[in-house]
Amino acid sequence: MIGVFDSGFGGLTILKEIRRRLPEYDYLYLGDNARTPYGTRSFDVVYEYTLQAVRYLFSHGCNLVVLACNTASAKALRSIQQNDLPCMSPMFSDGKPQKRVLGIIRPTVEAIGKLTRTGHVGVLATQGTVVSESYPIEIHKINTSVRVVQQACPMWVPIVENGEADSPGADYFVDKYLAEILAKDPEIDTLLLACTHYPLLRPKIEQSLRRLQPEGHSEVSLLSQGAIVAESLKDYLRRHPEIETQCGRGGKCSYLTTESEHKFAQSATIFMAEEIEVKHIDL
């Protein structure tokens, strides 16, 4: 079984794309909705919460866990991979762990480098992801000449989770943050939606860009993470048959939340466009 973890609902946009491309596997989604948002929390707290979730998913049959959360990927992934995984997982004969934890930042960064024409990239994210500097650091590991500017968008997640992504009231905050990042670097040609909630605002963002961009300015490409992560996972499983063979192939998907089942199921329909059944757990 493949575990997919997020601090709340946003990871469902990643899960949806993963299931679209890899429908044959079994999935277990865990949303830590009782303690969301992670974006404003310290590195230590995000690490502690993420590690608890990974341990839970490991103990419930997931040998591969995807952190479908930019904040968790930025603040917890490296520590878990380097310090905790060797203690939590049995080893193959070659000394590598039989359980794995993957993030969503690295595959996203690799895709960005192939898209930008001007070498000017904008990152729209939560405050936690921005402060972590994960995207500039990872992008510059691949290409030091790319200029990266970041913009925290603290109101976007509440707008999405309250079902207001299509409302006229969302326009103000979409315009506000886009205007701020474009003012930082008018030559941006690629904008990354570096939060898994943000794809639900994509129509508003596209409209806002058309309003804000000067006439004659080349079109800005918007990059969402779901399809990128799904394709990266597909490639990972192809390259690691020892992990792939441990993933159940029943096409089933189960959902867990640390909050109210009813509230999760109700809100999840915003992301999945289908009704789901969910179980409450404590971490």
C-alpha atoms as a PDB file:
ATOM      1  CA  MET A   1       0.000   0.000   0.000  1.00  0.00           C
ATOM      2  CA  ILE A   2       1.149   3.533  -0.775  1.00  0.00           C
ATOM      3  CA  GLY A   3       0.618   6.114   1.960  1.00  0.00           C
ATOM      4  CA  VAL A   4      -0.106   9.734   1.089  1.00  0.00           C
ATOM      5  CA  PHE A   5       0.193  12.293   3.883  1.00  0.00           C
ATOM      6  CA  ASP A   6      -0.757  15.944   4.149  1.00  0.00           C
ATOM      7  CA  SER A   7      -1.424  18.352   6.984  1.00  0.00           C
ATOM      8  CA  GLY A   8      -4.974  18.705   5.707  1.00  0.00           C
ATOM      9  CA  PHE A   9      -6.918  18.502   2.458  1.00  0.00           C
ATOM     10  CA  GLY A  10      -4.461  19.867  -0.100  1.00  0.00           C
ATOM     11  CA  GLY A  11      -2.682  16.555  -0.572  1.00  0.00           C
ATOM     12  CA  LEU A  12      -5.896  15.234  -2.099  1.00  0.00           C
ATOM     13  CA  THR A  13      -4.981  17.146  -5.282  1.00  0.00           C
ATOM     14  CA  ILE A  14      -1.760  15.107  -5.383  1.00  0.00           C
ATOM     15  CA  LEU A  15      -3.559  11.843  -4.589  1.00  0.00           C
ATOM     16  CA  LYS A  16      -6.109  12.502  -7.320  1.00  0.00           C
ATOM     17  CA  GLU A  17      -3.396  12.800  -9.970  1.00  0.00           C
ATOM     18  CA  ILE A  18      -1.464   9.820  -8.621  1.00  0.00           C
ATOM     19  CA  ARG A  19      -4.569   7.624  -8.803  1.00  0.00           C
ATOM     20  CA  ARG A  20      -5.314   8.890 -12.297  1.00  0.00           C
ATOM     21  CA  ARG A  21      -1.892   7.731 -13.522  1.00  0.00           C
ATOM     22  CA  LEU A  22      -1.435   4.727 -11.230  1.00  0.00           C
ATOM     23  CA  PRO A  23      -4.965   3.409 -10.566  1.00  0.00           C
ATOM     24  CA  GLU A  24      -3.876  -0.177  -9.971  1.00  0.00           C
ATOM     25  CA  TYR A  25      -2.276   0.394  -6.550  1.00  0.00           C
ATOM     26  CA  ASP A  26      -3.833   0.574  -3.087  1.00  0.00           C
ATOM     27  CA  TYR A  27      -3.627   3.932  -1.276  1.00  0.00           C
ATOM     28  CA  LEU A  28      -4.078   5.159   2.277  1.00  0.00           C
ATOM     29  CA  TYR A  29      -4.505   8.913   2.667  1.00  0.00           C
ATOM     30  CA  LEU A  30      -3.918  10.577   6.036  1.00  0.00           C
ATOM     31  CA  GLY A  31      -4.843  14.194   6.699  1.00  0.00           C
ATOM     32  CA  ASP A  32      -3.733  15.728   9.998  1.00  0.00           C
ATOM     33  CA  ASN A  33      -6.656  18.130   9.916  1.00  0.00           C
ATOM     34  CA  ALA A  34      -6.823  18.544  13.690  1.00  0.00           C
ATOM     35  CA  ARG A  35      -3.411  20.249  13.678  1.00  0.00           C
ATOM     36  CA  THR A  36      -3.469  22.052  10.356  1.00  0.00           C
ATOM     37  CA  PRO A  37      -2.102  24.429   9.136  1.00  0.00           C
ATOM     38  CA  TYR A  38       1.544  23.387   9.218  1.00  0.00           C
ATOM     39  CA  GLY A  39       2.692  26.424   7.239  1.00  0.00           C
ATOM     40  CA  THR A  40       2.959  28.707  10.269  1.00  0.00           C
ATOM     41  CA  ARG A  41       4.522  26.135  12.617  1.00  0.00           C
ATOM     42  CA  SER A  42       8.203  25.771  13.515  1.00  0.00           C
ATOM     43  CA  PHE A  43      10.560  23.270  11.897  1.00  0.00           C
ATOM     44  CA  ASP A  44      10.624  21.171  15.086  1.00  0.00           C
ATOM     45  CA  VAL A  45       6.841  20.945  15.357  1.00  0.00           C
ATOM     46  CA  VAL A  46       6.343  20.097  11.672  1.00  0.00           C
ATOM     47  CA  TYR A  47       9.045  17.434  11.932  1.00  0.00           C
ATOM     48  CA  GLU A  48       7.438  15.910  15.040  1.00  0.00           C
ATOM     49  CA  TYR A  49       3.938  15.838  13.513  1.00  0.00           C
ATOM     50  CA  THR A  50       5.159  14.465  10.177  1.00  0.00           C
ATOM     51  CA  LEU A  51       7.201  11.737  11.844  1.00  0.00           C
ATOM     52  CA  GLN A  52       4.145  10.654  13.834  1.00  0.00           C
ATOM     53  CA  ALA A  53       2.157  10.360  10.617  1.00  0.00           C
ATOM     54  CA  VAL A  54       4.875   8.412   8.816  1.00  0.00           C
ATOM     55  CA  ARG A  55       5.153   5.974  11.713  1.00  0.00           C
ATOM     56  CA  TYR A  56       1.388   5.477  11.691  1.00  0.00           C
ATOM     57  CA  LEU A  57       1.297   4.779   7.952  1.00  0.00           C
ATOM     58  CA  PHE A  58       4.260   2.396   8.207  1.00  0.00           C
ATOM     59  CA  SER A  59       2.519   0.496  11.004  1.00  0.00           C
ATOM     60  CA  HIS A  60      -0.654   0.181   8.912  1.00  0.00           C
ATOM     61  CA  GLY A  61       0.816  -1.487   5.859  1.00  0.00           C
ATOM     62  CA  CYS A  62       2.381   1.358   3.888  1.00  0.00           C
ATOM     63  CA  ASN A  63       5.954   0.593   2.831  1.00  0.00           C
ATOM     64  CA  LEU A  64       6.105   3.754   0.722  1.00  0.00           C
ATOM     65  CA  VAL A  65       4.887   7.138   1.982  1.00  0.00           C
ATOM     66  CA  VAL A  66       4.574  10.282  -0.116  1.00  0.00           C
ATOM     67  CA  LEU A  67       4.603  13.558   1.814  1.00  0.00           C
ATOM     68  CA  ALA A  68       2.039  15.363  -0.336  1.00  0.00           C
ATOM     69  CA  CYS A  69       2.647  18.561   1.589  1.00  0.00           C
ATOM     70  CA  ASN A  70       5.171  21.237   0.684  1.00  0.00           C
ATOM     71  CA  THR A  71       5.692  22.312   4.294  1.00  0.00           C
ATOM     72  CA  ALA A  72       6.316  18.750   5.507  1.00  0.00           C
ATOM     73  CA  SER A  73       8.585  18.093   2.535  1.00  0.00           C
ATOM     74  CA  ALA A  74      10.510  21.290   3.275  1.00  0.00           C
ATOM     75  CA  LYS A  75      10.790  20.994   7.058  1.00  0.00           C
ATOM     76  CA  ALA A  76      10.742  17.258   7.836  1.00  0.00           C
ATOM     77  CA  LEU A  77      11.615  15.021   4.868  1.00  0.00           C
ATOM     78  CA  ARG A  78      15.402  15.218   4.998  1.00  0.00           C
ATOM     79  CA  SER A  79      15.576  14.560   8.757  1.00  0.00           C
ATOM     80  CA  ILE A  80      13.211  11.594   8.491  1.00  0.00           C
ATOM     81  CA  GLN A  81      15.112  10.089   5.570  1.00  0.00           C
ATOM     82  CA  GLN A  82      18.546  10.526   7.132  1.00  0.00           C
ATOM     83  CA  ASN A  83      17.940  10.098  10.859  1.00  0.00           C
ATOM     84  CA  ASP A  84      14.731   8.136  11.422  1.00  0.00           C
ATOM     85  CA  LEU A  85      14.212   5.818   8.473  1.00  0.00           C
ATOM     86  CA  PRO A  86      17.221   3.583   9.257  1.00  0.00           C
ATOM     87  CA  CYS A  87      15.713   2.957  12.716  1.00  0.00           C
ATOM     88  CA  MET A  88      12.117   2.483  11.546  1.00  0.00           C
ATOM     89  CA  SER A  89      12.664   0.140   8.605  1.00  0.00           C
ATOM     90  CA  PRO A  90      14.213  -3.279   8.118  1.00  0.00           C
ATOM     91  CA  MET A  91      17.003  -3.311   5.554  1.00  0.00           C
ATOM     92  CA  PHE A  92      17.482  -5.068   2.247  1.00  0.00           C
ATOM     93  CA  SER A  93      20.643  -7.119   1.809  1.00  0.00           C
ATOM     94  CA  ASP A  94      22.318  -4.102   0.184  1.00  0.00           C
ATOM     95  CA  GLY A  95      21.814  -2.067   3.359  1.00  0.00           C
ATOM     96  CA  LYS A  96      19.011   0.131   1.974  1.00  0.00           C
ATOM     97  CA  PRO A  97      15.722   0.516   3.899  1.00  0.00           C
ATOM     98  CA  GLN A  98      12.738  -1.569   2.835  1.00  0.00           C
ATOM     99  CA  LYS A  99      10.417   1.361   3.616  1.00  0.00           C
ATOM    100  CA  ARG A 100      10.733   4.721   1.888  1.00  0.00           C
ATOM    101  CA  VAL A 101       9.521   8.299   2.337  1.00  0.00           C
ATOM    102  CA  LEU A 102       9.351  10.653  -0.653  1.00  0.00           C
ATOM    103  CA  GLY A 103       8.589  14.373  -0.899  1.00  0.00           C
ATOM    104  CA  ILE A 104       7.166  16.607  -3.601  1.00  0.00           C
ATOM    105  CA  ILE A 105       9.727  19.401  -3.799  1.00  0.00           C
ATOM    106  CA  ARG A 106      12.516  17.654  -5.704  1.00  0.00           C
ATOM    107  CA  PRO A 107      10.387  16.385  -8.633  1.00  0.00           C
ATOM    108  CA  THR A 108       8.737  19.793  -8.877  1.00  0.00           C
ATOM    109  CA  VAL A 109      12.083  21.578  -9.042  1.00  0.00           C
ATOM    110  CA  GLU A 110      13.325  19.274 -11.788  1.00  0.00           C
ATOM    111  CA  ALA A 111      10.260  20.139 -13.889  1.00  0.00           C
ATOM    112  CA  ILE A 112      10.682  23.896 -13.372  1.00  0.00           C
ATOM    113  CA  GLY A 113      14.148  23.895 -14.937  1.00  0.00           C
ATOM    114  CA  LYS A 114      12.748  22.442 -18.133  1.00  0.00           C
ATOM    115  CA  LEU A 115       9.983  25.041 -18.448  1.00  0.00           C
ATOM    116  CA  THR A 116      11.442  28.478 -17.807  1.00  0.00           C
ATOM    117  CA  ARG A 117      12.634  30.383 -20.893  1.00  0.00           C
ATOM    118  CA  THR A 118      13.867  33.562 -19.224  1.00  0.00           C
ATOM    119  CA  GLY A 119      15.374  31.924 -16.140  1.00  0.00           C
ATOM    120  CA  HIS A 120      13.038  33.926 -13.888  1.00  0.00           C
ATOM    121  CA  VAL A 121      10.797  31.784 -11.658  1.00  0.00           C
ATOM    122  CA  GLY A 122       8.199  32.744  -9.068  1.00  0.00           C
ATOM    123  CA  VAL A 123       7.140  30.545  -6.150  1.00  0.00           C
ATOM    124  CA  LEU A 124       3.705  31.024  -4.573  1.00  0.00           C
ATOM    125  CA  ALA A 125       3.575  29.196  -1.247  1.00  0.00           C
ATOM    126  CA  THR A 126       2.666  29.174   2.414  1.00  0.00           C
ATOM    127  CA  GLN A 127       4.730  31.211   4.843  1.00  0.00           C
ATOM    128  CA  GLY A 128       6.387  28.043   6.145  1.00  0.00           C
ATOM    129  CA  THR A 129       7.557  26.942   2.718  1.00  0.00           C
ATOM    130  CA  VAL A 130       8.820  30.428   1.890  1.00  0.00           C
ATOM    131  CA  VAL A 131      10.773  30.724   5.142  1.00  0.00           C
ATOM    132  CA  SER A 132      12.345  27.302   4.619  1.00  0.00           C
ATOM    133  CA  GLU A 133      13.946  28.534   1.363  1.00  0.00           C
ATOM    134  CA  SER A 134      13.557  24.973   0.077  1.00  0.00           C
ATOM    135  CA  TYR A 135      12.635  25.910  -3.470  1.00  0.00           C
ATOM    136  CA  PRO A 136      15.434  28.440  -4.080  1.00  0.00           C
ATOM    137  CA  ILE A 137      17.941  26.024  -2.543  1.00  0.00           C
ATOM    138  CA  GLU A 138      16.806  23.038  -4.598  1.00  0.00           C
ATOM    139  CA  ILE A 139      16.439  25.013  -7.826  1.00  0.00           C
ATOM    140  CA  HIS A 140      19.955  26.419  -7.475  1.00  0.00           C
ATOM    141  CA  LYS A 141      21.349  22.929  -6.948  1.00  0.00           C
ATOM    142  CA  ILE A 142      20.256  22.212 -10.520  1.00  0.00           C
ATOM    143  CA  ASN A 143      20.768  25.630 -12.114  1.00  0.00           C
ATOM    144  CA  THR A 144      22.522  28.470 -10.297  1.00  0.00           C
ATOM    145  CA  SER A 145      21.606  30.995 -12.988  1.00  0.00           C
ATOM    146  CA  VAL A 146      17.830  30.812 -12.383  1.00  0.00           C
ATOM    147  CA  ARG A 147      16.462  33.762 -10.424  1.00  0.00           C
ATOM    148  CA  VAL A 148      13.840  32.695  -7.884  1.00  0.00           C
ATOM    149  CA  VAL A 149      11.470  35.049  -6.090  1.00  0.00           C
ATOM    150  CA  GLN A 150       8.946  33.875  -3.528  1.00  0.00           C
ATOM    151  CA  GLN A 151       5.588  35.122  -2.317  1.00  0.00           C
ATOM    152  CA  ALA A 152       3.706  33.921   0.749  1.00  0.00           C
ATOM    153  CA  CYS A 153      -0.056  33.713   0.177  1.00  0.00           C
ATOM    154  CA  PRO A 154      -1.493  33.238   3.673  1.00  0.00           C
ATOM    155  CA  MET A 155      -5.137  33.758   2.696  1.00  0.00           C
ATOM    156  CA  TRP A 156      -5.307  31.246  -0.138  1.00  0.00           C
ATOM    157  CA  VAL A 157      -5.562  28.074   1.965  1.00  0.00           C
ATOM    158  CA  PRO A 158      -8.448  29.410   4.128  1.00  0.00           C
ATOM    159  CA  ILE A 159     -10.259  30.566   0.977  1.00  0.00           C
ATOM    160  CA  VAL A 160     -10.021  27.086  -0.554  1.00  0.00           C
ATOM    161  CA  GLU A 161     -10.905  25.165   2.590  1.00  0.00           C
ATOM    162  CA  ASN A 162     -13.951  27.343   3.180  1.00  0.00           C
ATOM    163  CA  GLY A 163     -15.257  26.607  -0.306  1.00  0.00           C
ATOM    164  CA  GLU A 164     -14.708  30.170  -1.537  1.00  0.00           C
ATOM    165  CA  ALA A 165     -12.279  29.432  -4.397  1.00  0.00           C
ATOM    166  CA  ASP A 166     -14.889  30.372  -7.012  1.00  0.00           C
ATOM    167  CA  SER A 167     -16.300  33.352  -5.143  1.00  0.00           C
ATOM    168  CA  PRO A 168     -15.838  37.016  -6.117  1.00  0.00           C
ATOM    169  CA  GLY A 169     -14.271  37.573  -2.701  1.00  0.00           C
ATOM    170  CA  ALA A 170     -11.282  35.419  -3.682  1.00  0.00           C
ATOM    171  CA  ASP A 171     -10.342  37.832  -6.476  1.00  0.00           C
ATOM    172  CA  TYR A 172      -8.919  40.449  -4.106  1.00  0.00           C
ATOM    173  CA  PHE A 173      -6.408  38.132  -2.477  1.00  0.00           C
ATOM    174  CA  VAL A 174      -5.468  36.436  -5.745  1.00  0.00           C
ATOM    175  CA  ASP A 175      -4.765  39.831  -7.327  1.00  0.00           C
ATOM    176  CA  LYS A 176      -2.924  41.027  -4.213  1.00  0.00           C
ATOM    177  CA  TYR A 177      -0.337  38.247  -4.048  1.00  0.00           C
ATOM    178  CA  LEU A 178       0.175  38.023  -7.807  1.00  0.00           C
ATOM    179  CA  ALA A 179       0.728  41.776  -8.054  1.00  0.00           C
ATOM    180  CA  GLU A 180       3.281  41.571  -5.254  1.00  0.00           C
ATOM    181  CA  ILE A 181       5.327  38.774  -6.815  1.00  0.00           C
ATOM    182  CA  LEU A 182       5.241  40.298 -10.309  1.00  0.00           C
ATOM    183  CA  ALA A 183       6.435  43.595  -8.840  1.00  0.00           C
ATOM    184  CA  LYS A 184       9.433  41.783  -7.355  1.00  0.00           C
ATOM    185  CA  ASP A 185      10.438  40.480 -10.805  1.00  0.00           C
ATOM    186  CA  PRO A 186       8.494  41.531 -13.930  1.00  0.00           C
ATOM    187  CA  GLU A 187      10.489  39.024 -16.014  1.00  0.00           C
ATOM    188  CA  ILE A 188       8.961  35.958 -14.351  1.00  0.00           C
ATOM    189  CA  ASP A 189       7.814  33.513 -17.014  1.00  0.00           C
ATOM    190  CA  THR A 190       7.041  30.512 -14.773  1.00  0.00           C
ATOM    191  CA  LEU A 191       4.954  30.563 -11.601  1.00  0.00           C
ATOM    192  CA  LEU A 192       4.908  27.526  -9.331  1.00  0.00           C
ATOM    193  CA  LEU A 193       1.820  26.847  -7.235  1.00  0.00           C
ATOM    194  CA  ALA A 194       3.894  25.477  -4.344  1.00  0.00           C
ATOM    195  CA  CYS A 195       0.976  24.513  -2.135  1.00  0.00           C
ATOM    196  CA  THR A 196      -1.336  21.614  -2.865  1.00  0.00           C
ATOM    197  CA  HIS A 197      -4.424  23.766  -2.209  1.00  0.00           C
ATOM    198  CA  TYR A 198      -3.591  26.305  -4.875  1.00  0.00           C
ATOM    199  CA  PRO A 199      -4.670  24.326  -7.985  1.00  0.00           C
ATOM    200  CA  LEU A 200      -8.276  24.955  -6.925  1.00  0.00           C
ATOM    201  CA  LEU A 201      -7.582  28.671  -7.397  1.00  0.00           C
ATOM    202  CA  ARG A 202      -6.002  28.149 -10.812  1.00  0.00           C
ATOM    203  CA  PRO A 203      -8.909  29.646 -12.852  1.00  0.00           C
ATOM    204  CA  LYS A 204      -8.785  32.784 -10.672  1.00  0.00           C
ATOM    205  CA  ILE A 205      -5.004  32.957 -10.946  1.00  0.00           C
ATOM    206  CA  GLU A 206      -5.129  32.698 -14.743  1.00  0.00           C
ATOM    207  CA  GLN A 207      -7.738  35.456 -14.918  1.00  0.00           C
ATOM    208  CA  SER A 208      -5.709  37.647 -12.589  1.00  0.00           C
ATOM    209  CA  LEU A 209      -2.536  37.191 -14.636  1.00  0.00           C
ATOM    210  CA  ARG A 210      -4.360  38.344 -17.753  1.00  0.00           C
ATOM    211  CA  ARG A 211      -5.456  41.475 -15.894  1.00  0.00           C
ATOM    212  CA  LEU A 212      -2.111  42.234 -14.284  1.00  0.00           C
ATOM    213  CA  GLN A 213       0.382  41.487 -17.044  1.00  0.00           C
ATOM    214  CA  PRO A 214       1.395  44.427 -19.232  1.00  0.00           C
ATOM    215  CA  GLU A 215       0.280  44.316 -22.858  1.00  0.00           C
ATOM    216  CA  GLY A 216       2.787  42.494 -25.005  1.00  0.00           C
ATOM    217  CA  HIS A 217       4.303  40.612 -22.064  1.00  0.00           C
ATOM    218  CA  SER A 218       4.941  36.943 -22.804  1.00  0.00           C
ATOM    219  CA  GLU A 219       2.504  34.523 -21.185  1.00  0.00           C
ATOM    220  CA  VAL A 220       3.410  33.217 -17.738  1.00  0.00           C
ATOM    221  CA  SER A 221       3.296  29.436 -17.352  1.00  0.00           C
ATOM    222  CA  LEU A 222       1.499  28.128 -14.258  1.00  0.00           C
ATOM    223  CA  LEU A 223       2.887  24.937 -12.787  1.00  0.00           C
ATOM    224  CA  SER A 224       0.798  22.674 -10.534  1.00  0.00           C
ATOM    225  CA  GLN A 225       2.381  19.773  -8.695  1.00  0.00           C
ATOM    226  CA  GLY A 226      -0.108  16.916  -8.991  1.00  0.00           C
ATOM    227  CA  ALA A 227       0.780  15.664 -12.462  1.00  0.00           C
ATOM    228  CA  ILE A 228       4.509  16.186 -11.839  1.00  0.00           C
ATOM    229  CA  VAL A 229       4.505  14.185  -8.601  1.00  0.00           C
ATOM    230  CA  ALA A 230       2.401  11.419 -10.136  1.00  0.00           C
ATOM    231  CA  GLU A 231       4.768  11.024 -13.073  1.00  0.00           C
ATOM    232  CA  SER A 232       7.768  11.101 -10.733  1.00  0.00           C
ATOM    233  CA  LEU A 233       6.226   8.381  -8.557  1.00  0.00           C
ATOM    234  CA  LYS A 234       5.547   6.241 -11.610  1.00  0.00           C
ATOM    235  CA  ASP A 235       9.183   6.566 -12.617  1.00  0.00           C
ATOM    236  CA  TYR A 236      10.358   5.852  -9.051  1.00  0.00           C
ATOM    237  CA  LEU A 237       8.393   2.601  -8.914  1.00  0.00           C
ATOM    238  CA  ARG A 238       9.784   1.582 -12.298  1.00  0.00           C
ATOM    239  CA  ARG A 239      13.340   2.183 -11.081  1.00  0.00           C
ATOM    240  CA  HIS A 240      12.775   0.479  -7.715  1.00  0.00           C
ATOM    241  CA  PRO A 241      11.035  -2.862  -8.346  1.00  0.00           C
ATOM    242  CA  GLU A 242      11.984  -3.988  -4.828  1.00  0.00           C
ATOM    243  CA  ILE A 243       9.655  -1.256  -3.490  1.00  0.00           C
ATOM    244  CA  GLU A 244       7.018  -1.585  -6.213  1.00  0.00           C
ATOM    245  CA  THR A 245       6.423  -5.265  -5.452  1.00  0.00           C
ATOM    246  CA  GLN A 246       5.476  -4.328  -1.873  1.00  0.00           C
ATOM    247  CA  CYS A 247       2.644  -2.020  -3.031  1.00  0.00           C
ATOM    248  CA  GLY A 248      -0.739  -3.724  -3.061  1.00  0.00           C
ATOM    249  CA  ARG A 249      -2.520  -3.844  -6.400  1.00  0.00           C
ATOM    250  CA  GLY A 250      -6.203  -3.819  -5.546  1.00  0.00           C
ATOM    251  CA  GLY A 251      -7.077  -0.327  -6.771  1.00  0.00           C
ATOM    252  CA  LYS A 252      -8.475   0.560  -3.345  1.00  0.00           C
ATOM    253  CA  CYS A 253      -8.224   3.904  -1.560  1.00  0.00           C
ATOM    254  CA  SER A 254      -8.934   4.584   2.110  1.00  0.00           C
ATOM    255  CA  TYR A 255      -9.001   7.895   3.972  1.00  0.00           C
ATOM    256  CA  LEU A 256      -8.004   8.829   7.519  1.00  0.00           C
ATOM    257  CA  THR A 257      -8.257  12.120   9.398  1.00  0.00           C
ATOM    258  CA  THR A 258      -7.278  13.341  12.850  1.00  0.00           C
ATOM    259  CA  GLU A 259     -10.363  15.577  12.855  1.00  0.00           C
ATOM    260  CA  SER A 260     -14.092  14.983  12.380  1.00  0.00           C
ATOM    261  CA  GLU A 261     -14.965  12.334   9.788  1.00  0.00           C
ATOM    262  CA  HIS A 262     -18.019  14.280   8.691  1.00  0.00           C
ATOM    263  CA  LYS A 263     -16.118  17.526   8.295  1.00  0.00           C
ATOM    264  CA  PHE A 264     -13.344  15.811   6.333  1.00  0.00           C
ATOM    265  CA  ALA A 265     -15.746  13.979   4.024  1.00  0.00           C
ATOM    266  CA  GLN A 266     -17.685  17.176   3.391  1.00  0.00           C
ATOM    267  CA  SER A 267     -14.603  19.244   2.592  1.00  0.00           C
ATOM    268  CA  ALA A 268     -12.879  16.486   0.621  1.00  0.00           C
ATOM    269  CA  THR A 269     -15.569  16.686  -2.035  1.00  0.00           C
ATOM    270  CA  ILE A 270     -14.165  20.128  -2.911  1.00  0.00           C
ATOM    271  CA  PHE A 271     -10.893  18.463  -3.869  1.00  0.00           C
ATOM    272  CA  MET A 272     -11.989  15.051  -5.158  1.00  0.00           C
ATOM    273  CA  ALA A 273     -15.354  15.854  -6.779  1.00  0.00           C
ATOM    274  CA  GLU A 274     -16.725  12.608  -5.317  1.00  0.00           C
ATOM    275  CA  GLU A 275     -18.093  11.353  -2.023  1.00  0.00           C
ATOM    276  CA  ILE A 276     -15.684   9.413   0.174  1.00  0.00           C
ATOM    277  CA  GLU A 277     -15.735   7.447   3.414  1.00  0.00           C
ATOM    278  CA  VAL A 278     -13.243   8.427   6.088  1.00  0.00           C
ATOM    279  CA  LYS A 279     -12.148   7.141   9.495  1.00  0.00           C
ATOM    280  CA  HIS A 280     -10.978   9.195  12.481  1.00  0.00           C
ATOM    281  CA  ILE A 281      -7.640   8.361  14.100  1.00  0.00           C
ATOM    282  CA  ASP A 282      -5.411   9.845  16.794  1.00  0.00           C
ATOM    283  CA  LEU A 283      -1.694  10.324  16.226  1.00  0.00           C
END
